[in-house]
Amino acid sequence: MAEESRCFKFCMIAMAIVIMAGFVFSIVWETTRPCDTKYTVTITSVDGLDLHSDRQALSPVFGITVHIDSTHNQMTNECVGGVGSSAIVTYGDALLAKGTMPGLCVQRTKVREAATKAWGMNVEVPHFLRDRLASELERGQAVVDVAVRTPGGGGCYINGCLDTVLVCKAKIGGGPSPCFRATTVSGTNTNT
């Protein structure tokens, strides 16, 4: 009976040590783990967005710079863009412009950026959106949605590929705007 009691005490002490070690490890990991990569987008120029003209259709051209800051990322290289990638600019539900996005890869702990253009030809924007955008542009508060889609950027599996999408709200005439990275499912994978 005394031996069982001693074994029980030893097991309880050992279990307490393991739990404490796990707790200390989780605290240390949480405070020292690498931070996520930061993505930003800047609208560097806008042409052809004359909302006060009598023309119903617009032909805007947006200069876009995508910036990847991986200085706090100790784990992986990060990539966006490349073959089949696009940069899409929308306002409300209206598609304003679309262009290709060149490949941009950043090694861990590094920073890089790439520029591209998105354009629209004879884009019809509903009057209520047009008026709202014109008013926001005059006040210097116009914000557009920018999405950078990279097909297969999240990997391909038996049932299809995962696209990565940078989703950003970029202020026209403003500085870098933060983005978040999302994953969406696209087509069926034919490489099985």
Protein backbone atom coordinates (compact mmCIF):
# COMPACT_ATOMS: atom_id res chain seq x y z
CA MET A 1 0.00 0.00 0.00
CA ALA A 2 2.85 2.39 0.81
CA GLU A 3 4.49 1.54 -2.53
CA GLU A 4 1.24 2.31 -4.42
CA SER A 5 1.01 5.65 -2.63
CA ARG A 6 4.61 6.49 -3.56
CA CYS A 7 3.97 5.53 -7.21
CA PHE A 8 0.82 7.65 -7.26
CA LYS A 9 2.72 10.68 -5.89
CA PHE A 10 5.53 10.16 -8.43
CA CYS A 11 3.03 9.93 -11.32
CA MET A 12 1.23 13.09 -10.16
CA ILE A 13 4.52 15.03 -9.89
CA ALA A 14 5.63 13.82 -13.33
CA MET A 15 2.27 14.81 -14.85
CA ALA A 16 2.46 18.25 -13.22
CA ILE A 17 5.97 18.77 -14.64
CA VAL A 18 4.82 17.79 -18.15
CA ILE A 19 1.81 20.14 -17.95
CA MET A 20 3.98 23.02 -16.68
CA ALA A 21 6.57 22.41 -19.42
CA GLY A 22 3.81 22.47 -22.05
CA PHE A 23 2.42 25.68 -20.59
CA VAL A 24 5.85 27.38 -20.56
CA PHE A 25 6.55 26.20 -24.13
CA SER A 26 3.24 27.62 -25.38
CA ILE A 27 3.98 31.01 -23.78
CA VAL A 28 7.51 31.12 -25.24
CA TRP A 29 6.22 30.04 -28.71
CA GLU A 30 3.46 32.64 -28.65
CA THR A 31 5.87 35.50 -27.85
CA THR A 32 8.72 34.45 -30.16
CA ARG A 33 6.96 32.85 -33.13
CA PRO A 34 7.44 34.54 -36.49
CA CYS A 35 4.82 37.13 -37.42
CA ASP A 36 2.75 36.90 -40.53
CA THR A 37 3.81 38.48 -43.77
CA LYS A 38 2.24 41.88 -44.41
CA TYR A 39 0.70 42.72 -47.78
CA THR A 40 -0.19 46.24 -48.90
CA VAL A 41 -1.46 47.84 -52.10
CA THR A 42 -1.02 51.42 -53.26
CA ILE A 43 -2.95 53.10 -56.05
CA THR A 44 -0.06 55.07 -57.60
CA SER A 45 -1.98 56.72 -60.44
CA VAL A 46 -5.45 57.05 -61.95
CA ASP A 47 -6.26 58.22 -65.47
CA GLY A 48 -9.52 58.26 -67.45
CA LEU A 49 -11.79 58.49 -64.43
CA ASP A 50 -13.54 61.66 -65.58
CA LEU A 51 -16.85 61.31 -63.77
CA HIS A 52 -18.10 64.80 -64.68
CA SER A 53 -18.03 64.28 -68.45
CA ASP A 54 -21.14 63.63 -70.51
CA ARG A 55 -19.80 60.25 -71.61
CA GLN A 56 -21.69 57.34 -70.09
CA ALA A 57 -18.78 54.92 -70.38
CA LEU A 58 -15.42 55.31 -68.63
CA SER A 59 -12.00 53.96 -69.60
CA PRO A 60 -9.99 54.18 -66.37
CA VAL A 61 -6.37 53.09 -65.93
CA PHE A 62 -5.07 52.41 -62.42
CA GLY A 63 -1.41 52.16 -61.50
CA ILE A 64 -1.09 49.59 -58.72
CA THR A 65 1.87 48.61 -56.57
CA VAL A 66 1.77 45.43 -54.48
CA HIS A 67 4.18 45.40 -51.54
CA ILE A 68 5.15 42.29 -49.53
CA ASP A 69 6.92 42.73 -46.21
CA SER A 70 8.26 39.42 -44.97
CA THR A 71 10.81 40.86 -42.51
CA HIS A 72 9.18 39.10 -39.54
CA ASN A 73 8.54 35.84 -41.37
CA GLN A 74 11.17 33.25 -40.41
CA MET A 75 9.38 30.27 -41.97
CA THR A 76 8.53 30.51 -45.68
CA ASN A 77 8.97 32.47 -48.88
CA GLU A 78 5.83 34.28 -50.08
CA CYS A 79 4.61 34.67 -53.67
CA VAL A 80 1.70 36.37 -55.44
CA GLY A 81 0.97 36.94 -59.11
CA GLY A 82 2.50 35.16 -62.06
CA VAL A 83 1.00 33.24 -64.99
CA GLY A 84 -2.76 33.71 -65.18
CA SER A 85 -2.85 36.17 -62.26
CA SER A 86 -4.96 39.30 -62.28
CA ALA A 87 -5.40 42.59 -60.48
CA ILE A 88 -9.04 43.69 -60.38
CA VAL A 89 -10.33 47.11 -59.31
CA THR A 90 -13.99 47.50 -58.34
CA TYR A 91 -16.12 50.19 -56.76
CA GLY A 92 -19.33 49.00 -55.15
CA ASP A 93 -20.41 46.19 -57.45
CA ALA A 94 -19.02 47.88 -60.57
CA LEU A 95 -15.94 46.46 -62.25
CA LEU A 96 -13.72 49.42 -63.11
CA ALA A 97 -10.51 47.81 -64.34
CA LYS A 98 -8.60 44.57 -64.72
CA GLY A 99 -4.99 43.78 -65.57
CA THR A 100 -2.37 41.09 -65.24
CA MET A 101 -0.21 40.77 -62.14
CA PRO A 102 3.45 39.88 -62.66
CA GLY A 103 4.99 37.27 -60.42
CA LEU A 104 6.34 38.60 -57.13
CA CYS A 105 8.19 36.32 -54.73
CA VAL A 106 9.81 37.42 -51.49
CA GLN A 107 12.28 35.37 -49.51
CA ARG A 108 11.66 35.15 -45.80
CA THR A 109 12.89 38.19 -43.87
CA LYS A 110 12.91 40.32 -47.07
CA VAL A 111 10.76 43.07 -48.64
CA ARG A 112 9.79 43.49 -52.31
CA GLU A 113 7.19 45.16 -54.47
CA ALA A 114 5.89 44.98 -58.01
CA ALA A 115 3.93 47.44 -60.11
CA THR A 116 1.18 46.73 -62.60
CA LYS A 117 -1.66 48.47 -64.43
CA ALA A 118 -5.36 47.64 -64.49
CA TRP A 119 -7.58 49.19 -67.12
CA GLY A 120 -11.17 49.24 -68.23
CA MET A 121 -12.57 49.95 -71.69
CA ASN A 122 -15.95 51.63 -71.99
CA VAL A 123 -16.99 50.63 -68.47
CA GLU A 124 -20.61 51.45 -67.62
CA VAL A 125 -20.98 52.60 -64.02
CA PRO A 126 -24.50 53.11 -62.62
CA HIS A 127 -25.34 56.77 -61.99
CA PHE A 128 -25.70 56.42 -58.22
CA LEU A 129 -22.20 54.85 -57.95
CA ARG A 130 -20.78 57.40 -60.36
CA ASP A 131 -22.15 60.29 -58.31
CA ARG A 132 -20.94 58.78 -55.04
CA LEU A 133 -17.46 58.13 -56.45
CA ALA A 134 -17.26 61.68 -57.87
CA SER A 135 -18.21 63.13 -54.49
CA GLU A 136 -15.66 60.96 -52.64
CA LEU A 137 -12.93 61.88 -55.14
CA GLU A 138 -13.61 65.59 -54.60
CA ARG A 139 -13.28 65.12 -50.82
CA GLY A 140 -10.16 62.95 -51.19
CA GLN A 141 -11.95 59.97 -49.61
CA ALA A 142 -12.47 57.61 -52.55
CA VAL A 143 -11.70 53.99 -51.73
CA VAL A 144 -11.76 51.17 -54.28
CA ASP A 145 -11.53 47.42 -53.79
CA VAL A 146 -8.43 45.77 -55.25
CA ALA A 147 -8.19 41.99 -55.54
CA VAL A 148 -5.03 40.23 -56.71
CA ARG A 149 -5.88 36.63 -57.68
CA THR A 150 -3.16 34.00 -58.09
CA PRO A 151 -4.54 30.77 -59.62
CA GLY A 152 -3.30 27.66 -57.85
CA GLY A 153 -1.31 29.76 -55.36
CA GLY A 154 -2.75 27.72 -52.50
CA GLY A 155 -1.84 24.38 -54.11
CA CYS A 156 -3.72 21.86 -56.23
CA TYR A 157 -5.38 18.69 -55.01
CA ILE A 158 -7.52 15.89 -56.46
CA ASN A 159 -10.74 17.92 -56.56
CA GLY A 160 -9.29 21.24 -57.74
CA CYS A 161 -6.92 24.07 -57.00
CA LEU A 162 -6.91 26.70 -54.30
CA ASP A 163 -6.37 30.24 -55.55
CA THR A 164 -4.87 32.84 -53.27
CA VAL A 165 -6.47 36.26 -53.32
CA LEU A 166 -5.16 39.45 -51.76
CA VAL A 167 -8.19 41.52 -50.80
CA CYS A 168 -7.53 45.22 -50.25
CA LYS A 169 -9.40 48.50 -49.80
CA ALA A 170 -7.15 51.10 -51.38
CA LYS A 171 -7.62 54.83 -51.05
CA ILE A 172 -7.13 56.74 -54.30
CA GLY A 173 -4.36 59.25 -53.66
CA GLY A 174 -3.52 57.63 -50.34
CA GLY A 175 -0.57 55.63 -49.10
CA PRO A 176 -0.25 51.87 -48.76
CA SER A 177 -3.46 50.09 -47.77
CA PRO A 178 -3.34 46.80 -45.84
CA CYS A 179 -4.59 43.62 -47.46
CA PHE A 180 -5.57 40.24 -46.17
CA ARG A 181 -4.81 36.96 -47.87
CA ALA A 182 -7.68 34.59 -48.59
CA THR A 183 -7.98 31.23 -50.33
CA THR A 184 -10.74 30.34 -52.77
CA VAL A 185 -11.50 27.14 -54.66
CA SER A 186 -11.19 27.23 -58.44
CA GLY A 187 -11.77 24.72 -61.26
CA THR A 188 -11.07 21.05 -61.23
CA ASN A 189 -7.54 19.73 -61.11
CA THR A 190 -6.79 17.76 -64.26
CA ASN A 191 -3.30 16.78 -63.07
CA THR A 192 -4.26 13.72 -61.04
